Amino acid sequence: MSTVLLTLQIILSILLSAAVLMQNKGTGLSETFGGESNVYSTKRGADKVLHIATIVIGVLLLLNTLAFAFVS
């Protein structure tokens, strides 16, 4: 059981990292100090799917971490 949870932990970590890195925000340091930015924008298409996938994978990673802590 512990091996399955550890393998799942590694897979979920890689998927979460990929989902975060694939999100296209476009906010750089120059936009922090007065550059142009889209403060109020709605997520559409692939951006919305990646946003929801990031949340779902993050919750699954949290639940897997808790399960791994109780099993160990």
PDB file of N, CA and C in Angstrom:
ATOM      1  N   MET A   1       0.833  -1.200   0.000  1.00  0.00           N
ATOM      2  CA  MET A   1       0.000   0.000   0.000  1.00  0.00           C
ATOM      3  C   MET A   1       0.868   1.251   0.000  1.00  0.00           C
ATOM      4  N   SER A   2       1.920   1.217   0.770  1.00  0.00           N
ATOM      5  CA  SER A   2       2.804   2.371   0.866  1.00  0.00           C
ATOM      6  C   SER A   2       3.487   2.667  -0.469  1.00  0.00           C
ATOM      7  N   THR A   3       3.826   1.613  -1.213  1.00  0.00           N
ATOM      8  CA  THR A   3       4.474   1.796  -2.514  1.00  0.00           C
ATOM      9  C   THR A   3       3.517   2.438  -3.514  1.00  0.00           C
ATOM     10  N   VAL A   4       2.263   2.040  -3.467  1.00  0.00           N
ATOM     11  CA  VAL A   4       1.254   2.614  -4.367  1.00  0.00           C
ATOM     12  C   VAL A   4       1.061   4.096  -4.061  1.00  0.00           C
ATOM     13  N   LEU A   5       0.963   4.432  -2.784  1.00  0.00           N
ATOM     14  CA  LEU A   5       0.769   5.837  -2.411  1.00  0.00           C
ATOM     15  C   LEU A   5       1.993   6.680  -2.762  1.00  0.00           C
ATOM     16  N   LEU A   6       3.188   6.113  -2.594  1.00  0.00           N
ATOM     17  CA  LEU A   6       4.404   6.852  -2.944  1.00  0.00           C
ATOM     18  C   LEU A   6       4.488   7.095  -4.447  1.00  0.00           C
ATOM     19  N   THR A   7       4.142   6.072  -5.228  1.00  0.00           N
ATOM     20  CA  THR A   7       4.135   6.228  -6.684  1.00  0.00           C
ATOM     21  C   THR A   7       3.105   7.263  -7.112  1.00  0.00           C
ATOM     22  N   LEU A   8       1.927   7.207  -6.505  1.00  0.00           N
ATOM     23  CA  LEU A   8       0.881   8.184  -6.814  1.00  0.00           C
ATOM     24  C   LEU A   8       1.315   9.596  -6.411  1.00  0.00           C
ATOM     25  N   GLN A   9       2.030   9.707  -5.310  1.00  0.00           N
ATOM     26  CA  GLN A   9       2.533  11.008  -4.845  1.00  0.00           C
ATOM     27  C   GLN A   9       3.489  11.609  -5.874  1.00  0.00           C
ATOM     28  N   ILE A  10       4.381  10.791  -6.402  1.00  0.00           N
ATOM     29  CA  ILE A  10       5.346  11.275  -7.394  1.00  0.00           C
ATOM     30  C   ILE A  10       4.641  11.691  -8.674  1.00  0.00           C
ATOM     31  N   ILE A  11       3.695  10.878  -9.127  1.00  0.00           N
ATOM     32  CA  ILE A  11       2.959  11.195 -10.361  1.00  0.00           C
ATOM     33  C   ILE A  11       2.156  12.475 -10.194  1.00  0.00           C
ATOM     34  N   LEU A  12       1.458  12.625  -9.065  1.00  0.00           N
ATOM     35  CA  LEU A  12       0.666  13.838  -8.834  1.00  0.00           C
ATOM     36  C   LEU A  12       1.558  15.073  -8.715  1.00  0.00           C
ATOM     37  N   SER A  13       2.731  14.926  -8.124  1.00  0.00           N
ATOM     38  CA  SER A  13       3.654  16.062  -8.009  1.00  0.00           C
ATOM     39  C   SER A  13       4.126  16.524  -9.378  1.00  0.00           C
ATOM     40  N   ILE A  14       4.446  15.577 -10.243  1.00  0.00           N
ATOM     41  CA  ILE A  14       4.890  15.929 -11.593  1.00  0.00           C
ATOM     42  C   ILE A  14       3.749  16.578 -12.375  1.00  0.00           C
ATOM     43  N   LEU A  15       2.543  16.019 -12.249  1.00  0.00           N
ATOM     44  CA  LEU A  15       1.386  16.597 -12.954  1.00  0.00           C
ATOM     45  C   LEU A  15       1.063  18.003 -12.463  1.00  0.00           C
ATOM     46  N   LEU A  16       1.171  18.223 -11.144  1.00  0.00           N
ATOM     47  CA  LEU A  16       0.890  19.551 -10.601  1.00  0.00           C
ATOM     48  C   LEU A  16       1.933  20.561 -11.074  1.00  0.00           C
ATOM     49  N   SER A  17       3.182  20.158 -11.091  1.00  0.00           N
ATOM     50  CA  SER A  17       4.238  21.046 -11.580  1.00  0.00           C
ATOM     51  C   SER A  17       4.012  21.402 -13.045  1.00  0.00           C
ATOM     52  N   ALA A  18       3.652  20.414 -13.856  1.00  0.00           N
ATOM     53  CA  ALA A  18       3.398  20.666 -15.275  1.00  0.00           C
ATOM     54  C   ALA A  18       2.189  21.572 -15.469  1.00  0.00           C
ATOM     55  N   ALA A  19       1.136  21.363 -14.689  1.00  0.00           N
ATOM     56  CA  ALA A  19      -0.072  22.192 -14.821  1.00  0.00           C
ATOM     57  C   ALA A  19       0.208  23.639 -14.445  1.00  0.00           C
ATOM     58  N   VAL A  20       1.020  23.849 -13.420  1.00  0.00           N
ATOM     59  CA  VAL A  20       1.353  25.215 -13.010  1.00  0.00           C
ATOM     60  C   VAL A  20       2.245  25.881 -14.048  1.00  0.00           C
ATOM     61  N   LEU A  21       3.221  25.149 -14.561  1.00  0.00           N
ATOM     62  CA  LEU A  21       4.138  25.742 -15.533  1.00  0.00           C
ATOM     63  C   LEU A  21       3.480  26.020 -16.879  1.00  0.00           C
ATOM     64  N   MET A  22       2.432  25.275 -17.221  1.00  0.00           N
ATOM     65  CA  MET A  22       1.763  25.482 -18.503  1.00  0.00           C
ATOM     66  C   MET A  22       0.796  26.655 -18.485  1.00  0.00           C
ATOM     67  N   GLN A  23       0.464  27.163 -17.312  1.00  0.00           N
ATOM     68  CA  GLN A  23      -0.465  28.288 -17.259  1.00  0.00           C
ATOM     69  C   GLN A  23       0.221  29.533 -17.787  1.00  0.00           C
ATOM     70  N   ASN A  24      -0.502  30.268 -18.603  1.00  0.00           N
ATOM     71  CA  ASN A  24       0.052  31.431 -19.280  1.00  0.00           C
ATOM     72  C   ASN A  24      -0.505  32.698 -18.649  1.00  0.00           C
ATOM     73  N   LYS A  25       0.172  33.219 -17.651  1.00  0.00           N
ATOM     74  CA  LYS A  25      -0.301  34.421 -16.975  1.00  0.00           C
ATOM     75  C   LYS A  25       0.248  35.675 -17.633  1.00  0.00           C
ATOM     76  N   GLY A  26       1.521  35.687 -17.964  1.00  0.00           N
ATOM     77  CA  GLY A  26       2.106  36.853 -18.598  1.00  0.00           C
ATOM     78  C   GLY A  26       2.366  37.995 -17.646  1.00  0.00           C
ATOM     79  N   THR A  27       2.441  37.754 -16.359  1.00  0.00           N
ATOM     80  CA  THR A  27       2.715  38.822 -15.413  1.00  0.00           C
ATOM     81  C   THR A  27       4.191  38.790 -15.062  1.00  0.00           C
ATOM     82  N   GLY A  28       4.890  39.776 -15.525  1.00  0.00           N
ATOM     83  CA  GLY A  28       6.305  39.881 -15.228  1.00  0.00           C
ATOM     84  C   GLY A  28       6.549  40.943 -14.181  1.00  0.00           C
ATOM     85  N   LEU A  29       7.792  41.162 -13.883  1.00  0.00           N
ATOM     86  CA  LEU A  29       8.153  42.148 -12.871  1.00  0.00           C
ATOM     87  C   LEU A  29       7.844  43.568 -13.345  1.00  0.00           C
ATOM     88  N   SER A  30       7.922  43.810 -14.649  1.00  0.00           N
ATOM     89  CA  SER A  30       7.635  45.156 -15.155  1.00  0.00           C
ATOM     90  C   SER A  30       6.164  45.522 -14.956  1.00  0.00           C
ATOM     91  N   GLU A  31       5.281  44.548 -15.026  1.00  0.00           N
ATOM     92  CA  GLU A  31       3.860  44.828 -14.841  1.00  0.00           C
ATOM     93  C   GLU A  31       3.530  45.133 -13.388  1.00  0.00           C
ATOM     94  N   THR A  32       4.379  44.711 -12.492  1.00  0.00           N
ATOM     95  CA  THR A  32       4.165  45.002 -11.079  1.00  0.00           C
ATOM     96  C   THR A  32       4.336  46.489 -10.803  1.00  0.00           C
ATOM     97  N   PHE A  33       5.242  47.124 -11.521  1.00  0.00           N
ATOM     98  CA  PHE A  33       5.555  48.534 -11.277  1.00  0.00           C
ATOM     99  C   PHE A  33       4.953  49.452 -12.322  1.00  0.00           C
ATOM    100  N   GLY A  34       3.753  49.156 -12.772  1.00  0.00           N
ATOM    101  CA  GLY A  34       3.035  50.095 -13.625  1.00  0.00           C
ATOM    102  C   GLY A  34       2.931  49.711 -15.073  1.00  0.00           C
ATOM    103  N   GLY A  35       3.414  48.553 -15.459  1.00  0.00           N
ATOM    104  CA  GLY A  35       3.260  48.119 -16.840  1.00  0.00           C
ATOM    105  C   GLY A  35       1.824  47.737 -17.118  1.00  0.00           C
ATOM    106  N   GLU A  36       1.540  47.440 -18.356  1.00  0.00           N
ATOM    107  CA  GLU A  36       0.178  47.076 -18.707  1.00  0.00           C
ATOM    108  C   GLU A  36      -0.119  45.652 -18.261  1.00  0.00           C
ATOM    109  N   SER A  37      -1.299  45.471 -17.723  1.00  0.00           N
ATOM    110  CA  SER A  37      -1.723  44.133 -17.315  1.00  0.00           C
ATOM    111  C   SER A  37      -3.232  44.041 -17.389  1.00  0.00           C
ATOM    112  N   ASN A  38      -3.714  42.854 -17.528  1.00  0.00           N
ATOM    113  CA  ASN A  38      -5.157  42.614 -17.538  1.00  0.00           C
ATOM    114  C   ASN A  38      -5.559  42.194 -16.135  1.00  0.00           C
ATOM    115  N   VAL A  39      -5.988  43.154 -15.345  1.00  0.00           N
ATOM    116  CA  VAL A  39      -6.316  42.875 -13.960  1.00  0.00           C
ATOM    117  C   VAL A  39      -7.585  42.041 -13.875  1.00  0.00           C
ATOM    118  N   TYR A  40      -8.593  42.430 -14.608  1.00  0.00           N
ATOM    119  CA  TYR A  40      -9.858  41.716 -14.579  1.00  0.00           C
ATOM    120  C   TYR A  40     -10.052  40.999 -15.908  1.00  0.00           C
ATOM    121  N   SER A  41      -9.722  39.735 -15.930  1.00  0.00           N
ATOM    122  CA  SER A  41      -9.940  38.955 -17.141  1.00  0.00           C
ATOM    123  C   SER A  41     -10.555  37.621 -16.760  1.00  0.00           C
ATOM    124  N   THR A  42     -11.384  37.117 -17.630  1.00  0.00           N
ATOM    125  CA  THR A  42     -12.007  35.834 -17.365  1.00  0.00           C
ATOM    126  C   THR A  42     -11.185  34.742 -18.028  1.00  0.00           C
ATOM    127  N   LYS A  43     -11.201  33.582 -17.405  1.00  0.00           N
ATOM    128  CA  LYS A  43     -10.486  32.447 -17.963  1.00  0.00           C
ATOM    129  C   LYS A  43     -11.375  31.784 -19.011  1.00  0.00           C
ATOM    130  N   ARG A  44     -10.758  31.462 -20.145  1.00  0.00           N
ATOM    131  CA  ARG A  44     -11.512  30.838 -21.224  1.00  0.00           C
ATOM    132  C   ARG A  44     -10.695  29.706 -21.823  1.00  0.00           C
ATOM    133  N   GLY A  45     -11.369  28.723 -22.327  1.00  0.00           N
ATOM    134  CA  GLY A  45     -10.733  27.656 -23.075  1.00  0.00           C
ATOM    135  C   GLY A  45      -9.738  26.851 -22.254  1.00  0.00           C
ATOM    136  N   ALA A  46      -8.542  26.714 -22.818  1.00  0.00           N
ATOM    137  CA  ALA A  46      -7.500  25.895 -22.194  1.00  0.00           C
ATOM    138  C   ALA A  46      -7.045  26.478 -20.866  1.00  0.00           C
ATOM    139  N   ASP A  47      -7.075  27.788 -20.744  1.00  0.00           N
ATOM    140  CA  ASP A  47      -6.670  28.426 -19.488  1.00  0.00           C
ATOM    141  C   ASP A  47      -7.607  28.028 -18.351  1.00  0.00           C
ATOM    142  N   LYS A  48      -8.889  27.946 -18.641  1.00  0.00           N
ATOM    143  CA  LYS A  48      -9.864  27.545 -17.630  1.00  0.00           C
ATOM    144  C   LYS A  48      -9.690  26.076 -17.257  1.00  0.00           C
ATOM    145  N   VAL A  49      -9.446  25.227 -18.257  1.00  0.00           N
ATOM    146  CA  VAL A  49      -9.232  23.805 -18.002  1.00  0.00           C
ATOM    147  C   VAL A  49      -7.988  23.600 -17.152  1.00  0.00           C
ATOM    148  N   LEU A  50      -6.902  24.310 -17.464  1.00  0.00           N
ATOM    149  CA  LEU A  50      -5.671  24.195 -16.677  1.00  0.00           C
ATOM    150  C   LEU A  50      -5.869  24.692 -15.253  1.00  0.00           C
ATOM    151  N   HIS A  51      -6.652  25.749 -15.089  1.00  0.00           N
ATOM    152  CA  HIS A  51      -6.927  26.284 -13.754  1.00  0.00           C
ATOM    153  C   HIS A  51      -7.679  25.256 -12.906  1.00  0.00           C
ATOM    154  N   ILE A  52      -8.705  24.673 -13.465  1.00  0.00           N
ATOM    155  CA  ILE A  52      -9.487  23.672 -12.738  1.00  0.00           C
ATOM    156  C   ILE A  52      -8.649  22.420 -12.487  1.00  0.00           C
ATOM    157  N   ALA A  53      -7.857  22.010 -13.477  1.00  0.00           N
ATOM    158  CA  ALA A  53      -7.000  20.827 -13.307  1.00  0.00           C
ATOM    159  C   ALA A  53      -5.971  21.050 -12.206  1.00  0.00           C
ATOM    160  N   THR A  54      -5.444  22.255 -12.105  1.00  0.00           N
ATOM    161  CA  THR A  54      -4.473  22.563 -11.056  1.00  0.00           C
ATOM    162  C   THR A  54      -5.104  22.428  -9.680  1.00  0.00           C
ATOM    163  N   ILE A  55      -6.318  22.906  -9.536  1.00  0.00           N
ATOM    164  CA  ILE A  55      -7.017  22.801  -8.252  1.00  0.00           C
ATOM    165  C   ILE A  55      -7.299  21.345  -7.911  1.00  0.00           C
ATOM    166  N   VAL A  56      -7.796  20.589  -8.891  1.00  0.00           N
ATOM    167  CA  VAL A  56      -8.129  19.182  -8.651  1.00  0.00           C
ATOM    168  C   VAL A  56      -6.878  18.376  -8.301  1.00  0.00           C
ATOM    169  N   ILE A  57      -5.806  18.568  -9.043  1.00  0.00           N
ATOM    170  CA  ILE A  57      -4.568  17.837  -8.772  1.00  0.00           C
ATOM    171  C   ILE A  57      -3.999  18.241  -7.414  1.00  0.00           C
ATOM    172  N   GLY A  58      -4.106  19.498  -7.065  1.00  0.00           N
ATOM    173  CA  GLY A  58      -3.627  19.950  -5.758  1.00  0.00           C
ATOM    174  C   GLY A  58      -4.395  19.308  -4.612  1.00  0.00           C
ATOM    175  N   VAL A  59      -5.709  19.201  -4.759  1.00  0.00           N
ATOM    176  CA  VAL A  59      -6.528  18.561  -3.719  1.00  0.00           C
ATOM    177  C   VAL A  59      -6.203  17.075  -3.633  1.00  0.00           C
ATOM    178  N   LEU A  60      -6.044  16.412  -4.796  1.00  0.00           N
ATOM    179  CA  LEU A  60      -5.674  14.995  -4.795  1.00  0.00           C
ATOM    180  C   LEU A  60      -4.305  14.774  -4.154  1.00  0.00           C
ATOM    181  N   LEU A  61      -3.381  15.681  -4.405  1.00  0.00           N
ATOM    182  CA  LEU A  61      -2.059  15.583  -3.799  1.00  0.00           C
ATOM    183  C   LEU A  61      -2.139  15.744  -2.285  1.00  0.00           C
ATOM    184  N   LEU A  62      -2.966  16.651  -1.830  1.00  0.00           N
ATOM    185  CA  LEU A  62      -3.151  16.846  -0.396  1.00  0.00           C
ATOM    186  C   LEU A  62      -3.765  15.606   0.254  1.00  0.00           C
ATOM    187  N   LEU A  63      -4.796  15.051  -0.367  1.00  0.00           N
ATOM    188  CA  LEU A  63      -5.439  13.856   0.176  1.00  0.00           C
ATOM    189  C   LEU A  63      -4.485  12.659   0.169  1.00  0.00           C
ATOM    190  N   ASN A  64      -3.683  12.555  -0.885  1.00  0.00           N
ATOM    191  CA  ASN A  64      -2.715  11.467  -0.951  1.00  0.00           C
ATOM    192  C   ASN A  64      -1.637  11.625   0.115  1.00  0.00           C
ATOM    193  N   THR A  65      -1.238  12.852   0.383  1.00  0.00           N
ATOM    194  CA  THR A  65      -0.251  13.104   1.430  1.00  0.00           C
ATOM    195  C   THR A  65      -0.793  12.716   2.797  1.00  0.00           C
ATOM    196  N   LEU A  66      -2.045  13.052   3.064  1.00  0.00           N
ATOM    197  CA  LEU A  66      -2.664  12.674   4.330  1.00  0.00           C
ATOM    198  C   LEU A  66      -2.798  11.157   4.449  1.00  0.00           C
ATOM    199  N   ALA A  67      -3.191  10.499   3.374  1.00  0.00           N
ATOM    200  CA  ALA A  67      -3.303   9.047   3.388  1.00  0.00           C
ATOM    201  C   ALA A  67      -1.940   8.397   3.604  1.00  0.00           C
ATOM    202  N   PHE A  68      -0.923   8.951   2.955  1.00  0.00           N
ATOM    203  CA  PHE A  68       0.430   8.421   3.109  1.00  0.00           C
ATOM    204  C   PHE A  68       0.936   8.610   4.545  1.00  0.00           C
ATOM    205  N   ALA A  69       0.554   9.700   5.176  1.00  0.00           N
ATOM    206  CA  ALA A  69       0.969   9.940   6.555  1.00  0.00           C
ATOM    207  C   ALA A  69       0.302   8.953   7.519  1.00  0.00           C
ATOM    208  N   PHE A  70      -0.953   8.614   7.273  1.00  0.00           N
ATOM    209  CA  PHE A  70      -1.656   7.679   8.149  1.00  0.00           C
ATOM    210  C   PHE A  70      -1.190   6.241   7.939  1.00  0.00           C
ATOM    211  N   VAL A  71      -0.804   5.896   6.720  1.00  0.00           N
ATOM    212  CA  VAL A  71      -0.351   4.531   6.444  1.00  0.00           C
ATOM    213  C   VAL A  71       1.043   4.293   6.997  1.00  0.00           C
ATOM    214  N   SER A  72       1.890   5.291   6.915  1.00  0.00           N
ATOM    215  CA  SER A  72       3.292   5.119   7.346  1.00  0.00           C
ATOM    216  C   SER A  72       3.441   5.041   8.836  1.00  0.00           C
TER     217      SER A  72
END
